[in-house]
């Protein structure tokens, strides 16, 4: 479980044959879970300032390819502050950046996502983009918008996005549970 509050923007050293190597100052032991651009991965080695992860074929099918830099967050521990929202690190889909527009000191980012993702979104609800906890600012039939403050643009990889780029998207898990429970609740009434 994660919060979507990025701890570090890290450089990818290599990714080949399912093995991802990232330069990082994040403190993580072998066996720890780390969200890498919103993908929950297990640390398989940690030496000389590098974290190593084995990326399963299923993960590679669901998530976009790793870029030169990635957002990192270690798993939530009991007693930690929950600054974002509950994030599982399970990518629901790959979204495509429709547009990036200046907005005050920040930017408004529009993303197009598949209909199976869009159905879980509500205005002012939570969404995770490349591991970053954000609030849905607007919705239309193709996707959603988020407002990015200057701090988010500086400390995450989202500041480097342009139209046409792809991102990992995870919807709020609570919406999925509500959808799953609703038919049972209706039939019991």
N, C-alpha and C. Protein backbone atom coordinates (compact mmCIF):
# COMPACT_ATOMS: atom_id res chain seq x y z
N UNK A 1 0.85 -1.17 0.00
CA UNK A 1 0.00 0.00 0.00
C UNK A 1 0.89 1.23 0.00
N UNK A 2 0.49 2.22 -0.79
CA UNK A 2 1.24 3.46 -0.94
C UNK A 2 0.28 4.64 -0.76
N UNK A 3 0.82 5.86 -0.81
CA UNK A 3 -0.02 7.05 -0.69
C UNK A 3 -0.02 7.93 -1.92
N UNK A 4 0.90 7.69 -2.85
CA UNK A 4 1.00 8.54 -4.03
C UNK A 4 1.78 9.81 -3.77
N UNK A 5 2.49 9.87 -2.65
CA UNK A 5 3.37 11.00 -2.36
C UNK A 5 4.79 10.56 -2.72
N UNK A 6 5.29 11.06 -3.82
CA UNK A 6 6.58 10.63 -4.36
C UNK A 6 7.71 11.07 -3.44
N UNK A 7 8.63 10.15 -3.18
CA UNK A 7 9.78 10.44 -2.32
C UNK A 7 11.02 10.83 -3.11
N UNK A 8 11.08 10.37 -4.36
CA UNK A 8 12.28 10.65 -5.15
C UNK A 8 11.99 10.49 -6.63
N UNK A 9 12.60 11.36 -7.41
CA UNK A 9 12.63 11.19 -8.87
C UNK A 9 14.00 10.58 -9.15
N UNK A 10 14.00 9.35 -9.66
CA UNK A 10 15.24 8.60 -9.80
C UNK A 10 15.56 8.31 -11.27
N UNK A 11 16.84 8.11 -11.54
CA UNK A 11 17.31 7.82 -12.90
C UNK A 11 17.34 6.31 -13.14
N UNK A 12 16.79 5.91 -14.28
CA UNK A 12 16.84 4.50 -14.68
C UNK A 12 18.22 4.24 -15.28
N UNK A 13 18.92 3.24 -14.72
CA UNK A 13 20.24 2.86 -15.22
C UNK A 13 20.07 1.90 -16.39
N UNK A 14 19.18 0.91 -16.22
CA UNK A 14 18.94 -0.05 -17.29
C UNK A 14 17.62 -0.78 -17.07
N UNK A 15 17.09 -1.27 -18.16
CA UNK A 15 15.92 -2.15 -18.12
C UNK A 15 16.04 -3.10 -19.29
N UNK A 16 16.37 -4.35 -18.97
CA UNK A 16 16.48 -5.35 -20.03
C UNK A 16 16.11 -6.71 -19.49
N UNK A 17 15.42 -7.48 -20.27
CA UNK A 17 15.05 -8.83 -19.88
C UNK A 17 14.22 -8.89 -18.61
N UNK A 18 13.49 -7.84 -18.30
CA UNK A 18 12.65 -7.84 -17.12
C UNK A 18 13.34 -7.36 -15.86
N UNK A 19 14.60 -6.99 -15.94
CA UNK A 19 15.33 -6.49 -14.78
C UNK A 19 15.50 -4.98 -14.89
N UNK A 20 14.98 -4.26 -13.88
CA UNK A 20 15.05 -2.81 -13.84
C UNK A 20 16.07 -2.40 -12.78
N UNK A 21 16.99 -1.52 -13.16
CA UNK A 21 18.00 -0.99 -12.23
C UNK A 21 17.84 0.52 -12.19
N UNK A 22 17.71 1.06 -10.95
CA UNK A 22 17.45 2.48 -10.74
C UNK A 22 18.47 3.04 -9.75
N UNK A 23 19.06 4.19 -10.08
CA UNK A 23 19.91 4.90 -9.11
C UNK A 23 18.99 5.58 -8.12
N UNK A 24 19.23 5.32 -6.81
CA UNK A 24 18.29 5.86 -5.83
C UNK A 24 18.93 6.02 -4.46
N UNK A 25 18.49 7.07 -3.77
CA UNK A 25 18.89 7.28 -2.38
C UNK A 25 17.80 6.78 -1.43
N UNK A 26 16.71 6.25 -1.99
CA UNK A 26 15.61 5.73 -1.17
C UNK A 26 16.12 4.54 -0.36
N UNK A 27 15.77 4.54 0.94
CA UNK A 27 16.17 3.43 1.80
C UNK A 27 15.18 2.28 1.65
N UNK A 28 15.66 1.20 1.05
CA UNK A 28 14.82 0.02 0.85
C UNK A 28 15.70 -1.22 0.95
N UNK A 29 15.15 -2.23 1.60
CA UNK A 29 15.86 -3.50 1.75
C UNK A 29 15.36 -4.50 0.71
N UNK A 30 16.14 -5.54 0.49
CA UNK A 30 15.69 -6.63 -0.38
C UNK A 30 14.39 -7.18 0.20
N UNK A 31 13.38 -7.30 -0.65
CA UNK A 31 12.06 -7.78 -0.24
C UNK A 31 11.06 -6.67 -0.01
N UNK A 32 11.52 -5.42 0.11
CA UNK A 32 10.61 -4.29 0.30
C UNK A 32 9.85 -3.99 -0.99
N UNK A 33 8.66 -3.45 -0.84
CA UNK A 33 7.87 -2.99 -1.98
C UNK A 33 8.16 -1.51 -2.21
N UNK A 34 8.34 -1.16 -3.47
CA UNK A 34 8.56 0.22 -3.87
C UNK A 34 7.68 0.48 -5.09
N UNK A 35 6.96 1.60 -5.10
CA UNK A 35 6.18 1.99 -6.27
C UNK A 35 7.13 2.72 -7.22
N UNK A 36 7.24 2.21 -8.43
CA UNK A 36 8.08 2.79 -9.47
C UNK A 36 7.15 3.27 -10.58
N UNK A 37 6.97 4.59 -10.69
CA UNK A 37 5.98 5.16 -11.61
C UNK A 37 4.59 4.55 -11.40
N UNK A 38 4.29 4.27 -10.12
CA UNK A 38 2.98 3.74 -9.79
C UNK A 38 2.86 2.23 -9.87
N UNK A 39 3.94 1.54 -10.19
CA UNK A 39 3.94 0.08 -10.29
C UNK A 39 4.59 -0.49 -9.04
N UNK A 40 3.87 -1.32 -8.30
CA UNK A 40 4.43 -1.95 -7.11
C UNK A 40 5.42 -3.02 -7.52
N UNK A 41 6.69 -2.82 -7.16
CA UNK A 41 7.75 -3.78 -7.46
C UNK A 41 8.49 -4.15 -6.18
N UNK A 42 9.10 -5.32 -6.18
CA UNK A 42 9.85 -5.82 -5.02
C UNK A 42 11.34 -5.63 -5.27
N UNK A 43 12.01 -5.07 -4.29
CA UNK A 43 13.46 -4.89 -4.38
C UNK A 43 14.13 -6.26 -4.32
N UNK A 44 14.94 -6.58 -5.35
CA UNK A 44 15.66 -7.86 -5.37
C UNK A 44 17.15 -7.68 -5.07
N UNK A 45 17.64 -6.43 -5.14
CA UNK A 45 19.02 -6.14 -4.77
C UNK A 45 19.12 -4.65 -4.49
N UNK A 46 20.01 -4.30 -3.55
CA UNK A 46 20.24 -2.91 -3.20
C UNK A 46 21.71 -2.78 -2.83
N UNK A 47 22.47 -2.20 -3.76
CA UNK A 47 23.90 -2.02 -3.51
C UNK A 47 24.40 -0.81 -4.27
N UNK A 48 25.33 -0.09 -3.68
CA UNK A 48 26.00 1.03 -4.34
C UNK A 48 25.02 2.08 -4.87
N UNK A 49 23.96 2.37 -4.10
CA UNK A 49 23.02 3.40 -4.51
C UNK A 49 22.12 3.00 -5.65
N UNK A 50 21.97 1.70 -5.86
CA UNK A 50 21.11 1.21 -6.95
C UNK A 50 20.11 0.20 -6.41
N UNK A 51 18.87 0.39 -6.80
CA UNK A 51 17.82 -0.58 -6.49
C UNK A 51 17.55 -1.42 -7.72
N UNK A 52 17.39 -2.72 -7.51
CA UNK A 52 17.13 -3.64 -8.61
C UNK A 52 15.77 -4.29 -8.39
N UNK A 53 15.00 -4.40 -9.47
CA UNK A 53 13.67 -4.99 -9.43
C UNK A 53 13.53 -5.97 -10.59
N UNK A 54 12.83 -7.08 -10.37
CA UNK A 54 12.46 -7.98 -11.45
C UNK A 54 11.02 -7.66 -11.83
N UNK A 55 10.81 -7.31 -13.10
CA UNK A 55 9.49 -6.87 -13.59
C UNK A 55 8.84 -8.01 -14.34
N UNK A 56 7.72 -8.48 -13.82
CA UNK A 56 7.00 -9.62 -14.39
C UNK A 56 6.39 -9.26 -15.76
N UNK A 57 6.15 -10.27 -16.57
CA UNK A 57 5.54 -10.08 -17.89
C UNK A 57 4.17 -9.43 -17.75
N UNK A 58 3.38 -9.82 -16.76
CA UNK A 58 2.06 -9.23 -16.53
C UNK A 58 2.18 -7.73 -16.30
N UNK A 59 3.16 -7.32 -15.53
CA UNK A 59 3.38 -5.90 -15.26
C UNK A 59 3.75 -5.17 -16.56
N UNK A 60 4.60 -5.78 -17.35
CA UNK A 60 5.01 -5.16 -18.61
C UNK A 60 3.84 -5.03 -19.58
N UNK A 61 2.87 -5.94 -19.49
CA UNK A 61 1.67 -5.85 -20.35
C UNK A 61 0.76 -4.71 -19.94
N UNK A 62 0.66 -4.44 -18.65
CA UNK A 62 -0.30 -3.46 -18.14
C UNK A 62 0.25 -2.04 -18.04
N UNK A 63 1.55 -1.91 -17.85
CA UNK A 63 2.16 -0.59 -17.63
C UNK A 63 2.91 -0.13 -18.87
N UNK A 64 3.15 1.17 -18.91
CA UNK A 64 3.94 1.71 -20.02
C UNK A 64 5.42 1.40 -19.79
N UNK A 65 6.24 1.44 -20.83
CA UNK A 65 7.68 1.23 -20.63
C UNK A 65 8.27 2.30 -19.71
N UNK A 66 9.29 1.93 -18.95
CA UNK A 66 9.92 2.88 -18.04
C UNK A 66 10.70 3.92 -18.83
N UNK A 67 10.59 5.18 -18.40
CA UNK A 67 11.30 6.29 -19.04
C UNK A 67 12.68 6.43 -18.40
N UNK A 68 13.41 7.46 -18.78
CA UNK A 68 14.76 7.70 -18.25
C UNK A 68 14.74 8.05 -16.78
N UNK A 69 13.65 8.67 -16.31
CA UNK A 69 13.45 8.98 -14.89
C UNK A 69 12.13 8.41 -14.44
N UNK A 70 12.08 8.00 -13.17
CA UNK A 70 10.86 7.42 -12.60
C UNK A 70 10.59 8.02 -11.23
N UNK A 71 9.31 7.98 -10.84
CA UNK A 71 8.89 8.41 -9.50
C UNK A 71 8.98 7.21 -8.56
N UNK A 72 9.57 7.40 -7.39
CA UNK A 72 9.69 6.31 -6.41
C UNK A 72 8.99 6.67 -5.11
N UNK A 73 8.36 5.64 -4.52
CA UNK A 73 7.76 5.77 -3.18
C UNK A 73 7.85 4.42 -2.49
N UNK A 74 8.34 4.42 -1.26
CA UNK A 74 8.36 3.18 -0.48
C UNK A 74 6.97 2.92 0.09
N UNK A 75 6.74 1.68 0.46
CA UNK A 75 5.43 1.28 0.97
C UNK A 75 5.09 2.00 2.27
N UNK A 76 3.80 2.24 2.45
CA UNK A 76 3.26 2.86 3.66
C UNK A 76 3.48 1.92 4.85
N UNK A 77 3.93 2.48 5.94
CA UNK A 77 4.12 1.70 7.17
C UNK A 77 3.11 2.18 8.21
N UNK A 78 2.72 1.28 9.10
CA UNK A 78 1.78 1.64 10.16
C UNK A 78 2.29 2.88 10.89
N UNK A 79 1.43 3.87 11.05
CA UNK A 79 1.80 5.09 11.74
C UNK A 79 2.26 6.20 10.83
N UNK A 80 2.57 5.88 9.54
CA UNK A 80 2.97 6.93 8.59
C UNK A 80 1.79 7.84 8.28
N UNK A 81 2.10 9.08 7.95
CA UNK A 81 1.06 10.03 7.53
C UNK A 81 0.52 9.61 6.16
N UNK A 82 -0.78 9.72 6.00
CA UNK A 82 -1.42 9.41 4.72
C UNK A 82 -1.68 10.74 4.01
N UNK A 83 -0.68 11.23 3.28
CA UNK A 83 -0.79 12.54 2.66
C UNK A 83 -1.53 12.54 1.34
N UNK A 84 -1.61 11.42 0.67
CA UNK A 84 -2.29 11.34 -0.61
C UNK A 84 -3.60 10.59 -0.46
N UNK A 85 -3.67 9.39 -1.06
CA UNK A 85 -4.82 8.50 -0.89
C UNK A 85 -4.30 7.08 -0.97
N UNK A 86 -5.16 6.11 -0.69
CA UNK A 86 -4.72 4.71 -0.75
C UNK A 86 -4.42 4.32 -2.19
N UNK A 87 -3.17 3.91 -2.42
CA UNK A 87 -2.69 3.52 -3.73
C UNK A 87 -2.13 2.11 -3.61
N UNK A 88 -2.55 1.23 -4.50
CA UNK A 88 -2.08 -0.15 -4.43
C UNK A 88 -0.81 -0.42 -5.24
N UNK A 89 -0.57 0.39 -6.24
CA UNK A 89 0.56 0.12 -7.12
C UNK A 89 0.19 -0.88 -8.19
N UNK A 90 -1.11 -0.99 -8.47
CA UNK A 90 -1.62 -1.89 -9.51
C UNK A 90 -2.17 -1.03 -10.65
N UNK A 91 -1.44 -0.94 -11.72
CA UNK A 91 -1.82 -0.07 -12.84
C UNK A 91 -3.09 -0.61 -13.49
N UNK A 92 -4.08 0.29 -13.66
CA UNK A 92 -5.33 -0.08 -14.32
C UNK A 92 -5.23 0.05 -15.83
N UNK A 93 -4.50 1.04 -16.30
CA UNK A 93 -4.38 1.28 -17.74
C UNK A 93 -3.26 2.25 -18.01
N UNK A 94 -2.92 2.33 -19.28
CA UNK A 94 -1.99 3.35 -19.74
C UNK A 94 -2.82 4.47 -20.35
N UNK A 95 -2.59 5.69 -19.89
CA UNK A 95 -3.28 6.86 -20.43
C UNK A 95 -2.35 7.63 -21.35
N UNK A 96 -2.95 8.48 -22.18
CA UNK A 96 -2.18 9.30 -23.11
C UNK A 96 -2.44 10.77 -22.81
N UNK A 97 -1.38 11.55 -22.74
CA UNK A 97 -1.51 12.97 -22.48
C UNK A 97 -2.13 13.63 -23.71
N UNK A 98 -3.30 14.24 -23.50
CA UNK A 98 -4.00 14.98 -24.57
C UNK A 98 -3.41 16.39 -24.71
N UNK A 99 -3.22 17.04 -23.57
CA UNK A 99 -2.68 18.41 -23.60
C UNK A 99 -2.08 18.77 -22.26
N UNK A 100 -1.16 19.74 -22.31
CA UNK A 100 -0.55 20.32 -21.12
C UNK A 100 -0.62 21.83 -21.31
N UNK A 101 -1.37 22.51 -20.43
CA UNK A 101 -1.56 23.95 -20.57
C UNK A 101 -1.12 24.67 -19.29
N UNK A 102 -0.47 25.82 -19.43
CA UNK A 102 -0.14 26.62 -18.24
C UNK A 102 -1.43 27.03 -17.52
N UNK A 103 -1.34 27.06 -16.19
CA UNK A 103 -2.49 27.49 -15.39
C UNK A 103 -1.95 28.12 -14.12
N UNK A 104 -1.91 29.44 -14.10
CA UNK A 104 -1.31 30.14 -12.96
C UNK A 104 0.16 29.76 -12.86
N UNK A 105 0.59 29.36 -11.66
CA UNK A 105 1.97 28.92 -11.45
C UNK A 105 2.17 27.44 -11.80
N UNK A 106 1.08 26.76 -12.10
CA UNK A 106 1.14 25.33 -12.40
C UNK A 106 0.72 25.02 -13.83
N UNK A 107 0.18 23.81 -14.00
CA UNK A 107 -0.28 23.37 -15.32
C UNK A 107 -1.54 22.53 -15.18
N UNK A 108 -2.36 22.56 -16.21
CA UNK A 108 -3.53 21.67 -16.31
C UNK A 108 -3.16 20.59 -17.32
N UNK A 109 -3.28 19.35 -16.89
CA UNK A 109 -2.92 18.19 -17.70
C UNK A 109 -4.19 17.41 -18.02
N UNK A 110 -4.48 17.24 -19.31
CA UNK A 110 -5.62 16.41 -19.74
C UNK A 110 -5.08 15.07 -20.22
N UNK A 111 -5.72 14.00 -19.75
CA UNK A 111 -5.32 12.64 -20.11
C UNK A 111 -6.49 11.89 -20.70
N UNK A 112 -6.24 11.16 -21.77
CA UNK A 112 -7.25 10.27 -22.34
C UNK A 112 -7.00 8.87 -21.80
N UNK A 113 -8.08 8.22 -21.36
CA UNK A 113 -7.98 6.88 -20.78
C UNK A 113 -9.11 6.01 -21.33
N UNK A 114 -8.94 4.67 -21.26
CA UNK A 114 -10.01 3.78 -21.71
C UNK A 114 -11.28 3.95 -20.88
N UNK A 115 -12.41 3.60 -21.48
CA UNK A 115 -13.71 3.72 -20.81
C UNK A 115 -13.76 2.93 -19.51
N UNK A 116 -13.08 1.79 -19.45
CA UNK A 116 -13.12 0.98 -18.22
C UNK A 116 -12.42 1.66 -17.05
N UNK A 117 -11.59 2.65 -17.32
CA UNK A 117 -10.97 3.46 -16.27
C UNK A 117 -11.85 4.67 -15.95
N UNK A 118 -12.34 5.30 -17.00
CA UNK A 118 -13.13 6.52 -16.86
C UNK A 118 -14.37 6.30 -15.98
N UNK A 119 -14.94 5.12 -16.01
CA UNK A 119 -16.17 4.88 -15.23
C UNK A 119 -15.93 4.96 -13.71
N UNK A 120 -14.69 4.85 -13.26
CA UNK A 120 -14.38 4.92 -11.84
C UNK A 120 -14.06 6.34 -11.36
N UNK A 121 -14.05 7.30 -12.26
CA UNK A 121 -13.62 8.65 -11.91
C UNK A 121 -14.79 9.57 -11.63
N UNK A 122 -14.60 10.44 -10.65
CA UNK A 122 -15.56 11.49 -10.34
C UNK A 122 -14.77 12.77 -10.13
N UNK A 123 -15.41 13.89 -10.45
CA UNK A 123 -14.76 15.17 -10.23
C UNK A 123 -14.46 15.33 -8.74
N UNK A 124 -13.26 15.77 -8.42
CA UNK A 124 -12.72 15.94 -7.07
C UNK A 124 -12.38 14.61 -6.40
N UNK A 125 -12.44 13.51 -7.17
CA UNK A 125 -12.03 12.21 -6.65
C UNK A 125 -10.53 12.01 -6.83
N UNK A 126 -10.03 10.91 -6.31
CA UNK A 126 -8.59 10.62 -6.36
C UNK A 126 -8.23 9.81 -7.59
N UNK A 127 -7.03 10.08 -8.11
CA UNK A 127 -6.46 9.35 -9.24
C UNK A 127 -4.95 9.30 -9.03
N UNK A 128 -4.32 8.26 -9.54
CA UNK A 128 -2.86 8.16 -9.47
C UNK A 128 -2.31 8.15 -10.89
N UNK A 129 -1.38 9.06 -11.18
CA UNK A 129 -0.75 9.17 -12.49
C UNK A 129 0.75 9.00 -12.29
N UNK A 130 1.31 7.95 -12.87
CA UNK A 130 2.74 7.63 -12.70
C UNK A 130 3.15 7.65 -11.23
N UNK A 131 2.25 7.13 -10.38
CA UNK A 131 2.55 7.01 -8.97
C UNK A 131 2.28 8.24 -8.14
N UNK A 132 1.76 9.31 -8.75
CA UNK A 132 1.51 10.57 -8.06
C UNK A 132 0.02 10.68 -7.73
N UNK A 133 -0.30 10.86 -6.46
CA UNK A 133 -1.68 11.06 -6.02
C UNK A 133 -2.15 12.45 -6.45
N UNK A 134 -3.27 12.46 -7.21
CA UNK A 134 -3.80 13.72 -7.72
C UNK A 134 -5.32 13.75 -7.55
N UNK A 135 -5.89 14.92 -7.75
CA UNK A 135 -7.34 15.10 -7.68
C UNK A 135 -7.87 15.36 -9.08
N UNK A 136 -8.93 14.66 -9.44
CA UNK A 136 -9.57 14.87 -10.74
C UNK A 136 -10.21 16.26 -10.74
N UNK A 137 -9.77 17.11 -11.67
CA UNK A 137 -10.28 18.48 -11.74
C UNK A 137 -11.46 18.60 -12.69
N UNK A 138 -11.50 17.73 -13.70
CA UNK A 138 -12.56 17.80 -14.70
C UNK A 138 -12.63 16.47 -15.44
N UNK A 139 -13.78 16.18 -16.02
CA UNK A 139 -14.01 14.95 -16.78
C UNK A 139 -14.70 15.29 -18.09
N UNK A 140 -14.43 14.48 -19.12
CA UNK A 140 -15.25 14.50 -20.33
C UNK A 140 -15.39 13.06 -20.81
N UNK A 141 -15.89 12.85 -22.01
CA UNK A 141 -16.17 11.50 -22.50
C UNK A 141 -14.92 10.69 -22.84
N UNK A 142 -13.79 11.35 -22.94
CA UNK A 142 -12.55 10.67 -23.33
C UNK A 142 -11.52 10.55 -22.21
N UNK A 143 -11.64 11.42 -21.20
CA UNK A 143 -10.62 11.41 -20.17
C UNK A 143 -10.88 12.37 -19.04
N UNK A 144 -9.80 12.82 -18.43
CA UNK A 144 -9.90 13.68 -17.25
C UNK A 144 -8.75 14.67 -17.21
N UNK A 145 -8.94 15.70 -16.40
CA UNK A 145 -7.90 16.71 -16.20
C UNK A 145 -7.48 16.73 -14.75
N UNK A 146 -6.22 17.06 -14.52
CA UNK A 146 -5.70 17.29 -13.18
C UNK A 146 -4.94 18.61 -13.20
N UNK A 147 -4.96 19.31 -12.08
CA UNK A 147 -4.22 20.56 -11.93
C UNK A 147 -2.94 20.25 -11.16
N UNK A 148 -1.81 20.60 -11.75
CA UNK A 148 -0.51 20.31 -11.15
C UNK A 148 0.10 21.58 -10.58
N UNK A 149 0.38 21.57 -9.28
CA UNK A 149 1.03 22.71 -8.64
C UNK A 149 2.52 22.68 -8.95
N UNK A 150 3.18 23.81 -8.77
CA UNK A 150 4.60 23.94 -9.09
C UNK A 150 5.45 22.90 -8.36
N UNK A 151 5.16 22.63 -7.11
CA UNK A 151 5.94 21.64 -6.36
C UNK A 151 5.88 20.27 -7.03
N UNK A 152 4.71 19.84 -7.44
CA UNK A 152 4.56 18.54 -8.11
C UNK A 152 5.33 18.52 -9.42
N UNK A 153 5.30 19.61 -10.15
CA UNK A 153 6.03 19.70 -11.42
C UNK A 153 7.54 19.57 -11.20
N UNK A 154 8.02 20.08 -10.06
CA UNK A 154 9.46 20.07 -9.78
C UNK A 154 9.97 18.75 -9.22
N UNK A 155 9.19 18.08 -8.36
CA UNK A 155 9.71 16.91 -7.65
C UNK A 155 9.26 15.57 -8.24
N UNK A 156 8.44 15.60 -9.28
CA UNK A 156 8.02 14.37 -9.94
C UNK A 156 8.36 14.46 -11.43
N UNK A 157 8.15 13.37 -12.12
CA UNK A 157 8.39 13.35 -13.57
C UNK A 157 7.26 14.00 -14.36
N UNK A 158 6.16 14.36 -13.70
CA UNK A 158 5.02 14.92 -14.41
C UNK A 158 5.34 16.27 -15.06
N UNK A 159 6.31 16.98 -14.54
CA UNK A 159 6.70 18.27 -15.11
C UNK A 159 7.30 18.16 -16.50
N UNK A 160 7.74 16.98 -16.90
CA UNK A 160 8.34 16.78 -18.21
C UNK A 160 7.39 16.22 -19.25
N UNK A 161 6.11 16.09 -18.91
CA UNK A 161 5.15 15.50 -19.85
C UNK A 161 4.74 16.46 -20.96
N UNK A 162 4.55 15.90 -22.15
CA UNK A 162 4.05 16.63 -23.31
C UNK A 162 2.90 15.85 -23.94
N UNK A 163 2.12 16.52 -24.77
CA UNK A 163 1.03 15.86 -25.49
C UNK A 163 1.58 14.64 -26.24
N UNK A 164 0.85 13.53 -26.14
CA UNK A 164 1.26 12.29 -26.80
C UNK A 164 2.02 11.33 -25.91
N UNK A 165 2.57 11.83 -24.79
CA UNK A 165 3.27 10.94 -23.85
C UNK A 165 2.28 10.00 -23.18
N UNK A 166 2.78 8.87 -22.71
CA UNK A 166 1.93 7.92 -22.00
C UNK A 166 2.28 7.89 -20.52
N UNK A 167 1.30 7.52 -19.70
CA UNK A 167 1.46 7.47 -18.25
C UNK A 167 0.71 6.25 -17.70
N UNK A 168 1.15 5.79 -16.54
CA UNK A 168 0.43 4.74 -15.82
C UNK A 168 -0.68 5.38 -15.00
N UNK A 169 -1.86 4.77 -15.04
CA UNK A 169 -3.01 5.30 -14.32
C UNK A 169 -3.59 4.22 -13.41
N UNK A 170 -3.83 4.60 -12.15
CA UNK A 170 -4.52 3.72 -11.20
C UNK A 170 -5.68 4.49 -10.59
N UNK A 171 -6.87 3.91 -10.70
CA UNK A 171 -8.04 4.55 -10.11
C UNK A 171 -8.11 4.26 -8.62
N UNK A 172 -8.97 4.97 -7.93
CA UNK A 172 -9.17 4.79 -6.51
C UNK A 172 -9.79 3.42 -6.25
N UNK A 173 -9.15 2.61 -5.45
CA UNK A 173 -9.61 1.24 -5.18
C UNK A 173 -11.00 1.22 -4.55
N UNK A 174 -11.37 2.26 -3.82
CA UNK A 174 -12.69 2.29 -3.18
C UNK A 174 -13.81 2.24 -4.22
N UNK A 175 -13.63 2.90 -5.36
CA UNK A 175 -14.64 2.87 -6.42
C UNK A 175 -14.82 1.46 -6.96
N UNK A 176 -13.74 0.70 -7.06
CA UNK A 176 -13.83 -0.67 -7.55
C UNK A 176 -14.59 -1.56 -6.58
N UNK A 177 -14.35 -1.37 -5.29
CA UNK A 177 -15.08 -2.16 -4.29
C UNK A 177 -16.56 -1.82 -4.29
N UNK A 178 -16.89 -0.55 -4.42
CA UNK A 178 -18.30 -0.14 -4.45
C UNK A 178 -18.99 -0.80 -5.65
N UNK A 179 -18.35 -0.75 -6.81
CA UNK A 179 -18.94 -1.36 -8.01
C UNK A 179 -19.16 -2.87 -7.80
N UNK A 180 -18.20 -3.52 -7.21
CA UNK A 180 -18.29 -4.97 -7.00
C UNK A 180 -19.38 -5.32 -5.99
N UNK A 181 -19.55 -4.49 -4.98
CA UNK A 181 -20.54 -4.77 -3.92
C UNK A 181 -21.97 -4.40 -4.31
N UNK A 182 -22.14 -3.44 -5.19
CA UNK A 182 -23.48 -2.95 -5.53
C UNK A 182 -24.46 -4.04 -6.00
N UNK A 183 -24.10 -4.93 -6.92
CA UNK A 183 -25.07 -5.96 -7.33
C UNK A 183 -25.54 -6.84 -6.17
N UNK A 184 -24.65 -7.17 -5.25
CA UNK A 184 -25.00 -7.98 -4.09
C UNK A 184 -25.94 -7.23 -3.15
N UNK A 185 -25.68 -5.94 -2.98
CA UNK A 185 -26.53 -5.13 -2.12
C UNK A 185 -27.93 -4.98 -2.72
N UNK A 186 -28.00 -4.81 -4.03
CA UNK A 186 -29.30 -4.66 -4.70
C UNK A 186 -30.11 -5.94 -4.60
N UNK A 187 -29.46 -7.09 -4.77
CA UNK A 187 -30.21 -8.36 -4.75
C UNK A 187 -30.65 -8.76 -3.35
N UNK A 188 -30.00 -8.22 -2.31
CA UNK A 188 -30.39 -8.56 -0.95
C UNK A 188 -31.52 -7.68 -0.42
N UNK A 189 -31.90 -6.67 -1.18
CA UNK A 189 -32.98 -5.76 -0.72
C UNK A 189 -34.33 -6.27 -1.12
